[in-house]
Amino acid sequence: MGRLADRYAGDHSVADVARVMRFPGFRNKKPGRKNALATWTDYGGDSVDPASFGHLPASDVRVRSNPQPAGRRMAVPSGISQSERDWAFVRDRLRKGADRGALVAILEQRRQDKFNPADYASRTVRKAAESLQLDSQPAR
């Protein structure tokens, strides 16, 4: 996506390919889409094949493999994601006086599916602690 943004003066903040386009050959199974086959087209409506992008420079972006299957990261049937469960766990433990460093270590170990588990864990604990400080302030 970054290479396309460079080539066509696009927006670099829109980098999540899953939110921008479907890959050709896959079907749109959302309700009302009638199992439509995805294709790439140019502005004129002509089909575009992968060879059309051969002129773009090689990507310098690292591609990581997911240590867990995608199904493990999806929201459970109750609609609560694992990140929401992490948030509730951390806030509950902080309210009970748990050590922040210990919580970071626990969360980092549990969430090896994250791109950067240490960063995810430290940000979650920091933001949860901040939110509890805001919750304890009197309403104005």
N, C-alpha and C. Protein backbone atom coordinates (compact mmCIF):
# COMPACT_ATOMS: atom_id res chain seq x y z
N MET A 1 0.83 -1.19 0.00
CA MET A 1 0.00 0.00 0.00
C MET A 1 0.87 1.25 0.00
N GLY A 2 1.98 1.18 0.74
CA GLY A 2 2.88 2.33 0.76
C GLY A 2 3.47 2.62 -0.62
N ARG A 3 3.82 1.56 -1.34
CA ARG A 3 4.36 1.74 -2.69
C ARG A 3 3.32 2.35 -3.61
N LEU A 4 2.08 1.92 -3.48
CA LEU A 4 1.02 2.50 -4.30
C LEU A 4 0.81 3.97 -3.95
N ALA A 5 0.86 4.28 -2.65
CA ALA A 5 0.71 5.66 -2.22
C ALA A 5 1.84 6.52 -2.77
N ASP A 6 3.07 5.99 -2.76
CA ASP A 6 4.20 6.73 -3.33
C ASP A 6 3.99 7.00 -4.83
N ARG A 7 3.64 5.96 -5.53
CA ARG A 7 3.52 6.05 -6.99
C ARG A 7 2.39 6.97 -7.44
N TYR A 8 1.27 6.91 -6.72
CA TYR A 8 0.09 7.67 -7.16
C TYR A 8 -0.28 8.81 -6.22
N ALA A 9 0.69 9.26 -5.42
CA ALA A 9 0.50 10.38 -4.49
C ALA A 9 -0.70 10.14 -3.58
N GLY A 10 -0.76 8.94 -3.04
CA GLY A 10 -1.87 8.57 -2.17
C GLY A 10 -1.60 8.92 -0.73
N ASP A 11 -2.55 8.60 0.10
CA ASP A 11 -2.50 8.88 1.53
C ASP A 11 -1.80 7.73 2.25
N HIS A 12 -0.63 7.99 2.85
CA HIS A 12 0.13 6.95 3.54
C HIS A 12 -0.54 6.48 4.82
N SER A 13 -1.45 7.27 5.37
CA SER A 13 -2.11 6.83 6.60
C SER A 13 -3.13 5.72 6.33
N VAL A 14 -3.52 5.54 5.09
CA VAL A 14 -4.43 4.46 4.73
C VAL A 14 -3.56 3.30 4.25
N ALA A 15 -3.14 2.47 5.19
CA ALA A 15 -2.18 1.43 4.84
C ALA A 15 -2.71 0.03 5.09
N ASP A 16 -3.89 -0.09 5.65
CA ASP A 16 -4.44 -1.41 5.95
C ASP A 16 -5.17 -1.92 4.72
N VAL A 17 -4.53 -2.80 3.97
CA VAL A 17 -5.07 -3.26 2.70
C VAL A 17 -6.44 -3.89 2.86
N ALA A 18 -6.70 -4.53 3.98
CA ALA A 18 -8.00 -5.17 4.19
C ALA A 18 -9.13 -4.15 4.24
N ARG A 19 -8.83 -2.93 4.62
CA ARG A 19 -9.86 -1.90 4.69
C ARG A 19 -9.99 -1.14 3.38
N VAL A 20 -9.07 -1.33 2.48
CA VAL A 20 -9.07 -0.57 1.25
C VAL A 20 -9.59 -1.38 0.07
N MET A 21 -9.17 -2.62 -0.03
CA MET A 21 -9.57 -3.42 -1.19
C MET A 21 -9.62 -4.90 -0.86
N ARG A 22 -10.34 -5.61 -1.66
CA ARG A 22 -10.37 -7.07 -1.58
C ARG A 22 -9.42 -7.59 -2.65
N PHE A 23 -8.81 -8.70 -2.39
CA PHE A 23 -7.93 -9.30 -3.38
C PHE A 23 -8.74 -9.97 -4.48
N PRO A 24 -8.29 -9.82 -5.70
CA PRO A 24 -8.99 -10.45 -6.82
C PRO A 24 -9.10 -11.96 -6.60
N GLY A 25 -10.25 -12.49 -6.97
CA GLY A 25 -10.48 -13.92 -6.84
C GLY A 25 -11.23 -14.28 -5.58
N PHE A 26 -11.27 -13.37 -4.59
CA PHE A 26 -12.03 -13.63 -3.38
C PHE A 26 -13.46 -13.12 -3.57
N ARG A 27 -14.36 -13.62 -2.77
CA ARG A 27 -15.76 -13.25 -2.90
C ARG A 27 -16.21 -12.40 -1.73
N ASN A 28 -17.08 -11.43 -2.02
CA ASN A 28 -17.66 -10.58 -1.00
C ASN A 28 -18.90 -11.28 -0.47
N LYS A 29 -18.82 -11.76 0.75
CA LYS A 29 -19.91 -12.55 1.32
C LYS A 29 -20.77 -11.75 2.29
N LYS A 30 -20.62 -10.44 2.31
CA LYS A 30 -21.47 -9.63 3.17
C LYS A 30 -22.92 -9.72 2.68
N PRO A 31 -23.85 -9.58 3.60
CA PRO A 31 -25.26 -9.63 3.19
C PRO A 31 -25.56 -8.60 2.09
N GLY A 32 -26.30 -9.01 1.11
CA GLY A 32 -26.67 -8.11 0.02
C GLY A 32 -25.65 -8.02 -1.09
N ARG A 33 -24.48 -8.64 -0.94
CA ARG A 33 -23.45 -8.55 -1.98
C ARG A 33 -23.52 -9.73 -2.95
N LYS A 34 -24.38 -10.69 -2.68
CA LYS A 34 -24.65 -11.82 -3.58
C LYS A 34 -23.40 -12.62 -3.94
N ASN A 35 -22.47 -12.75 -2.96
CA ASN A 35 -21.28 -13.57 -3.19
C ASN A 35 -20.48 -13.08 -4.39
N ALA A 36 -20.40 -11.77 -4.56
CA ALA A 36 -19.75 -11.15 -5.73
C ALA A 36 -18.26 -11.45 -5.77
N LEU A 37 -17.75 -11.77 -6.94
CA LEU A 37 -16.34 -12.02 -7.15
C LEU A 37 -15.59 -10.69 -7.23
N ALA A 38 -14.51 -10.56 -6.45
CA ALA A 38 -13.71 -9.33 -6.46
C ALA A 38 -12.76 -9.32 -7.64
N THR A 39 -12.68 -8.19 -8.31
CA THR A 39 -11.72 -7.98 -9.40
C THR A 39 -11.11 -6.60 -9.22
N TRP A 40 -9.96 -6.38 -9.84
CA TRP A 40 -9.35 -5.05 -9.84
C TRP A 40 -9.67 -4.40 -11.17
N THR A 41 -10.04 -3.15 -11.11
CA THR A 41 -10.30 -2.40 -12.34
C THR A 41 -9.64 -1.05 -12.24
N ASP A 42 -9.35 -0.47 -13.39
CA ASP A 42 -8.82 0.89 -13.38
C ASP A 42 -9.99 1.86 -13.39
N TYR A 43 -9.69 3.16 -13.44
CA TYR A 43 -10.75 4.15 -13.40
C TYR A 43 -11.73 4.01 -14.55
N GLY A 44 -11.29 3.47 -15.66
CA GLY A 44 -12.17 3.30 -16.81
C GLY A 44 -12.98 2.02 -16.76
N GLY A 45 -12.75 1.17 -15.78
CA GLY A 45 -13.50 -0.06 -15.64
C GLY A 45 -12.84 -1.27 -16.27
N ASP A 46 -11.65 -1.08 -16.87
CA ASP A 46 -10.93 -2.21 -17.46
C ASP A 46 -10.26 -3.03 -16.36
N SER A 47 -10.24 -4.36 -16.54
CA SER A 47 -9.61 -5.25 -15.55
C SER A 47 -8.12 -4.97 -15.46
N VAL A 48 -7.59 -5.11 -14.25
CA VAL A 48 -6.16 -4.90 -13.98
C VAL A 48 -5.62 -6.20 -13.41
N ASP A 49 -4.47 -6.64 -13.92
CA ASP A 49 -3.87 -7.86 -13.38
C ASP A 49 -2.61 -7.51 -12.60
N PRO A 50 -2.09 -8.44 -11.79
CA PRO A 50 -0.92 -8.14 -10.96
C PRO A 50 0.29 -7.63 -11.74
N ALA A 51 0.45 -8.03 -13.00
CA ALA A 51 1.58 -7.56 -13.80
C ALA A 51 1.54 -6.04 -13.99
N SER A 52 0.38 -5.44 -13.83
CA SER A 52 0.24 -3.99 -13.98
C SER A 52 1.03 -3.24 -12.91
N PHE A 53 1.41 -3.92 -11.83
CA PHE A 53 2.11 -3.27 -10.73
C PHE A 53 3.60 -3.60 -10.72
N GLY A 54 4.09 -4.27 -11.76
CA GLY A 54 5.48 -4.69 -11.82
C GLY A 54 6.47 -3.53 -11.85
N HIS A 55 6.04 -2.35 -12.27
CA HIS A 55 6.94 -1.20 -12.35
C HIS A 55 7.21 -0.56 -10.99
N LEU A 56 6.47 -0.96 -9.96
CA LEU A 56 6.66 -0.36 -8.64
C LEU A 56 7.94 -0.90 -8.01
N PRO A 57 8.64 -0.07 -7.24
CA PRO A 57 9.88 -0.54 -6.60
C PRO A 57 9.57 -1.61 -5.56
N ALA A 58 10.58 -2.40 -5.25
CA ALA A 58 10.43 -3.45 -4.24
C ALA A 58 10.09 -2.82 -2.90
N SER A 59 9.31 -3.52 -2.14
CA SER A 59 8.90 -3.03 -0.83
C SER A 59 10.03 -3.22 0.16
N ASP A 60 10.18 -2.24 1.06
CA ASP A 60 11.15 -2.39 2.14
C ASP A 60 10.43 -2.68 3.46
N VAL A 61 9.13 -2.97 3.37
CA VAL A 61 8.33 -3.26 4.54
C VAL A 61 8.51 -4.72 4.93
N ARG A 62 8.73 -4.95 6.22
CA ARG A 62 8.85 -6.32 6.71
C ARG A 62 7.48 -6.97 6.74
N VAL A 63 7.43 -8.20 6.32
CA VAL A 63 6.20 -8.97 6.42
C VAL A 63 6.43 -9.97 7.52
N ARG A 64 5.55 -9.97 8.52
CA ARG A 64 5.73 -10.89 9.63
C ARG A 64 4.73 -12.02 9.52
N SER A 65 5.10 -13.13 10.06
CA SER A 65 4.15 -14.25 10.10
C SER A 65 3.42 -14.19 11.42
N ASN A 66 2.16 -14.54 11.41
CA ASN A 66 1.38 -14.56 12.63
C ASN A 66 1.63 -15.86 13.37
N PRO A 67 2.00 -15.78 14.64
CA PRO A 67 2.26 -17.00 15.38
C PRO A 67 0.98 -17.77 15.72
N GLN A 68 -0.18 -17.11 15.59
CA GLN A 68 -1.44 -17.76 15.90
C GLN A 68 -2.36 -17.66 14.70
N PRO A 69 -3.23 -18.64 14.51
CA PRO A 69 -4.18 -18.54 13.41
C PRO A 69 -5.14 -17.38 13.64
N ALA A 70 -5.64 -16.83 12.54
CA ALA A 70 -6.52 -15.66 12.62
C ALA A 70 -7.71 -15.91 13.52
N GLY A 71 -8.24 -17.10 13.54
CA GLY A 71 -9.41 -17.40 14.35
C GLY A 71 -9.20 -17.15 15.83
N ARG A 72 -7.96 -17.24 16.30
CA ARG A 72 -7.68 -17.01 17.72
C ARG A 72 -7.77 -15.54 18.08
N ARG A 73 -7.65 -14.65 17.09
CA ARG A 73 -7.65 -13.22 17.36
C ARG A 73 -9.02 -12.59 17.18
N MET A 74 -9.96 -13.33 16.68
CA MET A 74 -11.27 -12.77 16.40
C MET A 74 -12.08 -12.63 17.69
N ALA A 75 -13.08 -11.77 17.65
CA ALA A 75 -13.96 -11.58 18.79
C ALA A 75 -14.72 -12.87 19.07
N VAL A 76 -14.94 -13.12 20.34
CA VAL A 76 -15.71 -14.29 20.72
C VAL A 76 -17.18 -14.02 20.46
N PRO A 77 -18.03 -15.05 20.45
CA PRO A 77 -19.44 -14.85 20.13
C PRO A 77 -20.12 -13.78 20.98
N SER A 78 -19.63 -13.53 22.19
CA SER A 78 -20.25 -12.49 23.03
C SER A 78 -19.98 -11.10 22.49
N GLY A 79 -19.08 -10.99 21.51
CA GLY A 79 -18.77 -9.69 20.92
C GLY A 79 -17.63 -8.97 21.62
N ILE A 80 -17.02 -9.57 22.62
CA ILE A 80 -15.93 -8.94 23.35
C ILE A 80 -14.61 -9.46 22.80
N SER A 81 -13.77 -8.56 22.34
CA SER A 81 -12.48 -8.97 21.78
C SER A 81 -11.49 -9.30 22.89
N GLN A 82 -10.39 -9.95 22.51
CA GLN A 82 -9.35 -10.26 23.49
C GLN A 82 -8.73 -8.98 24.04
N SER A 83 -8.61 -7.96 23.21
CA SER A 83 -8.05 -6.69 23.69
C SER A 83 -8.96 -6.06 24.76
N GLU A 84 -10.27 -6.19 24.57
CA GLU A 84 -11.20 -5.68 25.58
C GLU A 84 -11.09 -6.48 26.87
N ARG A 85 -10.88 -7.78 26.74
CA ARG A 85 -10.68 -8.61 27.93
C ARG A 85 -9.38 -8.24 28.63
N ASP A 86 -8.33 -7.96 27.86
CA ASP A 86 -7.05 -7.52 28.44
C ASP A 86 -7.25 -6.23 29.23
N TRP A 87 -7.98 -5.30 28.63
CA TRP A 87 -8.24 -3.99 29.25
C TRP A 87 -8.95 -4.18 30.59
N ALA A 88 -10.00 -4.99 30.61
CA ALA A 88 -10.75 -5.23 31.84
C ALA A 88 -9.88 -5.91 32.90
N PHE A 89 -9.08 -6.89 32.46
CA PHE A 89 -8.18 -7.61 33.37
C PHE A 89 -7.20 -6.64 34.02
N VAL A 90 -6.56 -5.81 33.21
CA VAL A 90 -5.54 -4.88 33.72
C VAL A 90 -6.17 -3.87 34.67
N ARG A 91 -7.29 -3.29 34.28
CA ARG A 91 -7.96 -2.31 35.16
C ARG A 91 -8.36 -2.95 36.49
N ASP A 92 -8.89 -4.16 36.45
CA ASP A 92 -9.30 -4.85 37.67
C ASP A 92 -8.10 -5.08 38.58
N ARG A 93 -7.00 -5.57 38.00
CA ARG A 93 -5.79 -5.84 38.80
C ARG A 93 -5.19 -4.55 39.35
N LEU A 94 -5.22 -3.48 38.57
CA LEU A 94 -4.68 -2.21 39.06
C LEU A 94 -5.51 -1.69 40.23
N ARG A 95 -6.83 -1.82 40.13
CA ARG A 95 -7.71 -1.40 41.24
C ARG A 95 -7.36 -2.16 42.52
N LYS A 96 -6.92 -3.41 42.37
CA LYS A 96 -6.59 -4.25 43.53
C LYS A 96 -5.15 -4.06 43.98
N GLY A 97 -4.43 -3.14 43.34
CA GLY A 97 -3.08 -2.81 43.78
C GLY A 97 -1.96 -3.59 43.13
N ALA A 98 -2.22 -4.24 42.02
CA ALA A 98 -1.18 -5.03 41.35
C ALA A 98 -0.04 -4.13 40.86
N ASP A 99 1.14 -4.69 40.81
CA ASP A 99 2.32 -3.98 40.31
C ASP A 99 2.22 -3.81 38.79
N ARG A 100 2.46 -2.60 38.32
CA ARG A 100 2.35 -2.34 36.87
C ARG A 100 3.35 -3.16 36.06
N GLY A 101 4.56 -3.27 36.55
CA GLY A 101 5.58 -4.05 35.84
C GLY A 101 5.19 -5.51 35.71
N ALA A 102 4.59 -6.06 36.76
CA ALA A 102 4.15 -7.46 36.72
C ALA A 102 3.02 -7.62 35.71
N LEU A 103 2.12 -6.65 35.65
CA LEU A 103 1.01 -6.72 34.69
C LEU A 103 1.53 -6.64 33.25
N VAL A 104 2.51 -5.78 33.03
CA VAL A 104 3.11 -5.69 31.69
C VAL A 104 3.70 -7.04 31.31
N ALA A 105 4.42 -7.67 32.21
CA ALA A 105 5.04 -8.97 31.92
C ALA A 105 3.99 -10.04 31.63
N ILE A 106 2.92 -10.06 32.40
CA ILE A 106 1.85 -11.04 32.19
C ILE A 106 1.21 -10.83 30.82
N LEU A 107 0.86 -9.59 30.53
CA LEU A 107 0.18 -9.28 29.27
C LEU A 107 1.09 -9.53 28.07
N GLU A 108 2.36 -9.19 28.20
CA GLU A 108 3.31 -9.44 27.11
C GLU A 108 3.40 -10.94 26.83
N GLN A 109 3.45 -11.74 27.86
CA GLN A 109 3.55 -13.19 27.69
C GLN A 109 2.27 -13.76 27.08
N ARG A 110 1.12 -13.24 27.47
CA ARG A 110 -0.17 -13.73 26.96
C ARG A 110 -0.43 -13.34 25.50
N ARG A 111 0.07 -12.19 25.08
CA ARG A 111 -0.31 -11.66 23.77
C ARG A 111 0.83 -11.71 22.76
N GLN A 112 1.40 -12.88 22.60
CA GLN A 112 2.44 -13.07 21.60
C GLN A 112 1.90 -12.97 20.18
N ASP A 113 0.57 -12.91 20.02
CA ASP A 113 -0.02 -12.74 18.70
C ASP A 113 0.10 -11.31 18.20
N LYS A 114 0.42 -10.38 19.08
CA LYS A 114 0.57 -8.97 18.69
C LYS A 114 1.90 -8.76 17.96
N PHE A 115 1.92 -7.74 17.08
CA PHE A 115 3.13 -7.43 16.32
C PHE A 115 4.30 -7.13 17.25
N ASN A 116 4.02 -6.34 18.29
CA ASN A 116 5.05 -5.99 19.27
C ASN A 116 4.43 -6.18 20.66
N PRO A 117 4.47 -7.41 21.20
CA PRO A 117 3.80 -7.70 22.48
C PRO A 117 4.24 -6.79 23.63
N ALA A 118 5.52 -6.44 23.69
CA ALA A 118 6.01 -5.59 24.78
C ALA A 118 5.39 -4.20 24.70
N ASP A 119 5.32 -3.64 23.51
CA ASP A 119 4.72 -2.31 23.34
C ASP A 119 3.23 -2.36 23.65
N TYR A 120 2.54 -3.38 23.13
CA TYR A 120 1.10 -3.53 23.40
C TYR A 120 0.86 -3.59 24.91
N ALA A 121 1.63 -4.42 25.61
CA ALA A 121 1.44 -4.60 27.04
C ALA A 121 1.71 -3.32 27.81
N SER A 122 2.80 -2.64 27.51
CA SER A 122 3.13 -1.42 28.26
C SER A 122 2.12 -0.30 27.98
N ARG A 123 1.68 -0.18 26.72
CA ARG A 123 0.67 0.85 26.41
C ARG A 123 -0.66 0.55 27.09
N THR A 124 -1.06 -0.72 27.10
CA THR A 124 -2.33 -1.09 27.72
C THR A 124 -2.30 -0.80 29.21
N VAL A 125 -1.23 -1.18 29.89
CA VAL A 125 -1.13 -0.95 31.33
C VAL A 125 -1.05 0.55 31.62
N ARG A 126 -0.26 1.29 30.85
CA ARG A 126 -0.16 2.74 31.08
C ARG A 126 -1.50 3.43 30.89
N LYS A 127 -2.19 3.10 29.80
CA LYS A 127 -3.48 3.76 29.53
C LYS A 127 -4.55 3.34 30.55
N ALA A 128 -4.51 2.11 30.99
CA ALA A 128 -5.46 1.66 32.00
C ALA A 128 -5.22 2.40 33.31
N ALA A 129 -3.96 2.57 33.68
CA ALA A 129 -3.63 3.30 34.91
C ALA A 129 -4.08 4.76 34.79
N GLU A 130 -3.84 5.36 33.63
CA GLU A 130 -4.29 6.74 33.41
C GLU A 130 -5.81 6.85 33.51
N SER A 131 -6.51 5.88 32.95
CA SER A 131 -7.97 5.94 32.97
C SER A 131 -8.51 5.81 34.39
N LEU A 132 -7.84 5.03 35.21
CA LEU A 132 -8.28 4.89 36.59
C LEU A 132 -8.02 6.16 37.37
N GLN A 133 -6.95 6.88 37.08
CA GLN A 133 -6.70 8.15 37.74
C GLN A 133 -7.78 9.15 37.36
N LEU A 134 -8.21 9.15 36.11
CA LEU A 134 -9.29 10.02 35.67
C LEU A 134 -10.60 9.64 36.33
N ASP A 135 -10.83 8.31 36.48
CA ASP A 135 -12.06 7.85 37.11
C ASP A 135 -12.14 8.25 38.58
N SER A 136 -10.99 8.40 39.24
CA SER A 136 -10.98 8.71 40.66
C SER A 136 -11.14 10.20 40.93
N GLN A 137 -11.02 11.04 39.92
CA GLN A 137 -11.17 12.48 40.11
C GLN A 137 -12.65 12.83 40.24
N PRO A 138 -12.96 13.79 41.10
CA PRO A 138 -14.37 14.17 41.27
C PRO A 138 -14.93 14.79 40.00
N ALA A 139 -16.20 14.56 39.75
CA ALA A 139 -16.86 15.13 38.55
C ALA A 139 -17.00 16.62 38.71
N ARG A 140 -16.90 17.33 37.60
CA ARG A 140 -17.02 18.80 37.64
C ARG A 140 -18.31 19.24 37.01
